[in-house]
Protein backbone atom coordinates (compact mmCIF):
# COMPACT_ATOMS: atom_id res chain seq x y z
CA UNK A 1 0.00 0.00 0.00
CA UNK A 2 1.23 3.50 -0.83
CA UNK A 3 0.44 6.41 1.43
CA UNK A 4 0.61 10.09 0.37
CA UNK A 5 1.73 12.55 3.04
CA UNK A 6 2.65 16.23 3.08
CA UNK A 7 6.15 17.43 3.90
CA UNK A 8 5.14 18.94 7.26
CA UNK A 9 3.61 15.66 8.42
CA UNK A 10 6.70 13.77 7.26
CA UNK A 11 8.96 16.09 9.28
CA UNK A 12 6.81 15.82 12.39
CA UNK A 13 6.36 12.03 12.31
CA UNK A 14 9.54 10.86 10.58
CA UNK A 15 10.44 8.08 13.04
CA UNK A 16 6.96 6.57 12.99
CA UNK A 17 6.78 6.83 9.19
CA UNK A 18 10.14 5.11 8.79
CA UNK A 19 8.93 2.26 11.02
CA UNK A 20 6.00 1.81 8.63
CA UNK A 21 8.37 1.84 5.65
CA UNK A 22 10.47 -0.87 7.35
CA UNK A 23 7.26 -2.88 7.73
CA UNK A 24 6.71 -2.68 3.97
CA UNK A 25 4.57 0.41 3.41
CA UNK A 26 5.61 2.84 0.66
CA UNK A 27 5.33 6.60 1.16
CA UNK A 28 4.93 9.40 -1.35
CA UNK A 29 5.91 12.76 0.13
CA UNK A 30 4.08 15.67 -1.46
CA UNK A 31 4.53 19.43 -1.60
CA UNK A 32 0.90 20.46 -1.63
CA UNK A 33 -0.64 18.01 -4.09
CA UNK A 34 2.58 17.48 -6.07
CA UNK A 35 4.57 14.31 -5.31
CA UNK A 36 8.27 15.04 -4.73
CA UNK A 37 9.71 11.86 -3.17
CA UNK A 38 9.04 8.13 -2.99
CA UNK A 39 10.23 6.42 0.20
CA UNK A 40 10.48 2.64 0.10
CA UNK A 41 12.18 -0.14 2.08
CA UNK A 42 15.60 -1.34 0.95
CA UNK A 43 15.48 -4.96 -0.15
CA UNK A 44 18.12 -6.61 2.04
CA UNK A 45 17.56 -10.04 0.52
CA UNK A 46 18.62 -8.74 -2.90
CA UNK A 47 21.69 -7.04 -1.43
CA UNK A 48 22.60 -10.28 0.36
CA UNK A 49 22.24 -12.31 -2.84
CA UNK A 50 24.44 -9.85 -4.75
CA UNK A 51 27.12 -10.00 -2.06
CA UNK A 52 27.07 -13.82 -2.05
CA UNK A 53 27.44 -13.89 -5.83
CA UNK A 54 30.39 -11.47 -5.67
CA UNK A 55 32.09 -13.61 -3.03
CA UNK A 56 31.54 -16.78 -5.09
CA UNK A 57 33.04 -15.13 -8.19
CA UNK A 58 36.09 -13.93 -6.25
CA UNK A 59 36.58 -17.32 -4.58
CA UNK A 60 36.45 -19.06 -7.96
CA UNK A 61 39.46 -16.98 -9.04
CA UNK A 62 41.62 -18.35 -6.19
CA UNK A 63 43.61 -21.58 -6.28
CA UNK A 64 42.54 -24.55 -4.19
CA UNK A 65 43.95 -24.79 -0.66
CA UNK A 66 45.20 -28.06 0.79
CA UNK A 67 44.46 -29.43 4.25
CA UNK A 68 48.15 -29.21 5.12
CA UNK A 69 48.16 -25.47 4.31
CA UNK A 70 45.11 -24.87 6.47
CA UNK A 71 46.68 -26.77 9.39
CA UNK A 72 49.92 -24.80 9.03
CA UNK A 73 47.96 -21.50 9.19
CA UNK A 74 46.39 -22.65 12.43
CA UNK A 75 49.68 -22.29 14.26
CA UNK A 76 51.09 -19.40 12.26
CA UNK A 77 52.61 -16.80 14.56
CA UNK A 78 52.66 -19.08 17.60
CA UNK A 79 55.96 -19.75 19.25
CA UNK A 80 56.78 -23.44 19.50
C-alpha atoms as a PDB file:
ATOM      1  CA  UNK A   1       0.000   0.000   0.000  1.00  0.00           C
ATOM      2  CA  UNK A   2       1.233   3.500  -0.832  1.00  0.00           C
ATOM      3  CA  UNK A   3       0.439   6.409   1.428  1.00  0.00           C
ATOM      4  CA  UNK A   4       0.614  10.095   0.374  1.00  0.00           C
ATOM      5  CA  UNK A   5       1.732  12.549   3.041  1.00  0.00           C
ATOM      6  CA  UNK A   6       2.649  16.231   3.082  1.00  0.00           C
ATOM      7  CA  UNK A   7       6.154  17.427   3.896  1.00  0.00           C
ATOM      8  CA  UNK A   8       5.137  18.940   7.258  1.00  0.00           C
ATOM      9  CA  UNK A   9       3.606  15.662   8.416  1.00  0.00           C
ATOM     10  CA  UNK A  10       6.701  13.771   7.257  1.00  0.00           C
ATOM     11  CA  UNK A  11       8.961  16.092   9.284  1.00  0.00           C
ATOM     12  CA  UNK A  12       6.806  15.816  12.390  1.00  0.00           C
ATOM     13  CA  UNK A  13       6.363  12.027  12.315  1.00  0.00           C
ATOM     14  CA  UNK A  14       9.540  10.859  10.578  1.00  0.00           C
ATOM     15  CA  UNK A  15      10.443   8.081  13.040  1.00  0.00           C
ATOM     16  CA  UNK A  16       6.955   6.568  12.990  1.00  0.00           C
ATOM     17  CA  UNK A  17       6.779   6.829   9.195  1.00  0.00           C
ATOM     18  CA  UNK A  18      10.144   5.106   8.786  1.00  0.00           C
ATOM     19  CA  UNK A  19       8.932   2.265  11.018  1.00  0.00           C
ATOM     20  CA  UNK A  20       5.996   1.815   8.631  1.00  0.00           C
ATOM     21  CA  UNK A  21       8.372   1.840   5.652  1.00  0.00           C
ATOM     22  CA  UNK A  22      10.470  -0.869   7.346  1.00  0.00           C
ATOM     23  CA  UNK A  23       7.263  -2.879   7.727  1.00  0.00           C
ATOM     24  CA  UNK A  24       6.709  -2.680   3.965  1.00  0.00           C
ATOM     25  CA  UNK A  25       4.570   0.412   3.408  1.00  0.00           C
ATOM     26  CA  UNK A  26       5.611   2.841   0.656  1.00  0.00           C
ATOM     27  CA  UNK A  27       5.333   6.595   1.160  1.00  0.00           C
ATOM     28  CA  UNK A  28       4.925   9.401  -1.349  1.00  0.00           C
ATOM     29  CA  UNK A  29       5.913  12.758   0.132  1.00  0.00           C
ATOM     30  CA  UNK A  30       4.075  15.675  -1.464  1.00  0.00           C
ATOM     31  CA  UNK A  31       4.533  19.427  -1.599  1.00  0.00           C
ATOM     32  CA  UNK A  32       0.903  20.462  -1.629  1.00  0.00           C
ATOM     33  CA  UNK A  33      -0.642  18.006  -4.086  1.00  0.00           C
ATOM     34  CA  UNK A  34       2.584  17.484  -6.069  1.00  0.00           C
ATOM     35  CA  UNK A  35       4.567  14.305  -5.314  1.00  0.00           C
ATOM     36  CA  UNK A  36       8.269  15.036  -4.727  1.00  0.00           C
ATOM     37  CA  UNK A  37       9.713  11.864  -3.166  1.00  0.00           C
ATOM     38  CA  UNK A  38       9.044   8.132  -2.992  1.00  0.00           C
ATOM     39  CA  UNK A  39      10.233   6.416   0.201  1.00  0.00           C
ATOM     40  CA  UNK A  40      10.483   2.639   0.101  1.00  0.00           C
ATOM     41  CA  UNK A  41      12.181  -0.144   2.076  1.00  0.00           C
ATOM     42  CA  UNK A  42      15.602  -1.343   0.946  1.00  0.00           C
ATOM     43  CA  UNK A  43      15.481  -4.960  -0.154  1.00  0.00           C
ATOM     44  CA  UNK A  44      18.124  -6.608   2.036  1.00  0.00           C
ATOM     45  CA  UNK A  45      17.561 -10.041   0.519  1.00  0.00           C
ATOM     46  CA  UNK A  46      18.615  -8.735  -2.903  1.00  0.00           C
ATOM     47  CA  UNK A  47      21.695  -7.044  -1.430  1.00  0.00           C
ATOM     48  CA  UNK A  48      22.601 -10.281   0.364  1.00  0.00           C
ATOM     49  CA  UNK A  49      22.238 -12.306  -2.840  1.00  0.00           C
ATOM     50  CA  UNK A  50      24.439  -9.845  -4.750  1.00  0.00           C
ATOM     51  CA  UNK A  51      27.115  -9.999  -2.060  1.00  0.00           C
ATOM     52  CA  UNK A  52      27.066 -13.818  -2.050  1.00  0.00           C
ATOM     53  CA  UNK A  53      27.436 -13.890  -5.831  1.00  0.00           C
ATOM     54  CA  UNK A  54      30.389 -11.474  -5.675  1.00  0.00           C
ATOM     55  CA  UNK A  55      32.087 -13.612  -3.034  1.00  0.00           C
ATOM     56  CA  UNK A  56      31.541 -16.785  -5.093  1.00  0.00           C
ATOM     57  CA  UNK A  57      33.042 -15.129  -8.194  1.00  0.00           C
ATOM     58  CA  UNK A  58      36.089 -13.929  -6.250  1.00  0.00           C
ATOM     59  CA  UNK A  59      36.576 -17.317  -4.578  1.00  0.00           C
ATOM     60  CA  UNK A  60      36.454 -19.061  -7.959  1.00  0.00           C
ATOM     61  CA  UNK A  61      39.462 -16.975  -9.044  1.00  0.00           C
ATOM     62  CA  UNK A  62      41.622 -18.350  -6.188  1.00  0.00           C
ATOM     63  CA  UNK A  63      43.614 -21.576  -6.285  1.00  0.00           C
ATOM     64  CA  UNK A  64      42.535 -24.547  -4.186  1.00  0.00           C
ATOM     65  CA  UNK A  65      43.949 -24.791  -0.657  1.00  0.00           C
ATOM     66  CA  UNK A  66      45.201 -28.062   0.786  1.00  0.00           C
ATOM     67  CA  UNK A  67      44.455 -29.426   4.253  1.00  0.00           C
ATOM     68  CA  UNK A  68      48.155 -29.209   5.117  1.00  0.00           C
ATOM     69  CA  UNK A  69      48.159 -25.471   4.309  1.00  0.00           C
ATOM     70  CA  UNK A  70      45.108 -24.873   6.472  1.00  0.00           C
ATOM     71  CA  UNK A  71      46.678 -26.767   9.390  1.00  0.00           C
ATOM     72  CA  UNK A  72      49.924 -24.797   9.032  1.00  0.00           C
ATOM     73  CA  UNK A  73      47.962 -21.496   9.193  1.00  0.00           C
ATOM     74  CA  UNK A  74      46.388 -22.652  12.430  1.00  0.00           C
ATOM     75  CA  UNK A  75      49.681 -22.294  14.262  1.00  0.00           C
ATOM     76  CA  UNK A  76      51.087 -19.402  12.256  1.00  0.00           C
ATOM     77  CA  UNK A  77      52.610 -16.799  14.560  1.00  0.00           C
ATOM     78  CA  UNK A  78      52.656 -19.077  17.601  1.00  0.00           C
ATOM     79  CA  UNK A  79      55.964 -19.748  19.246  1.00  0.00           C
ATOM     80  CA  UNK A  80      56.784 -23.442  19.498  1.00  0.00           C
END
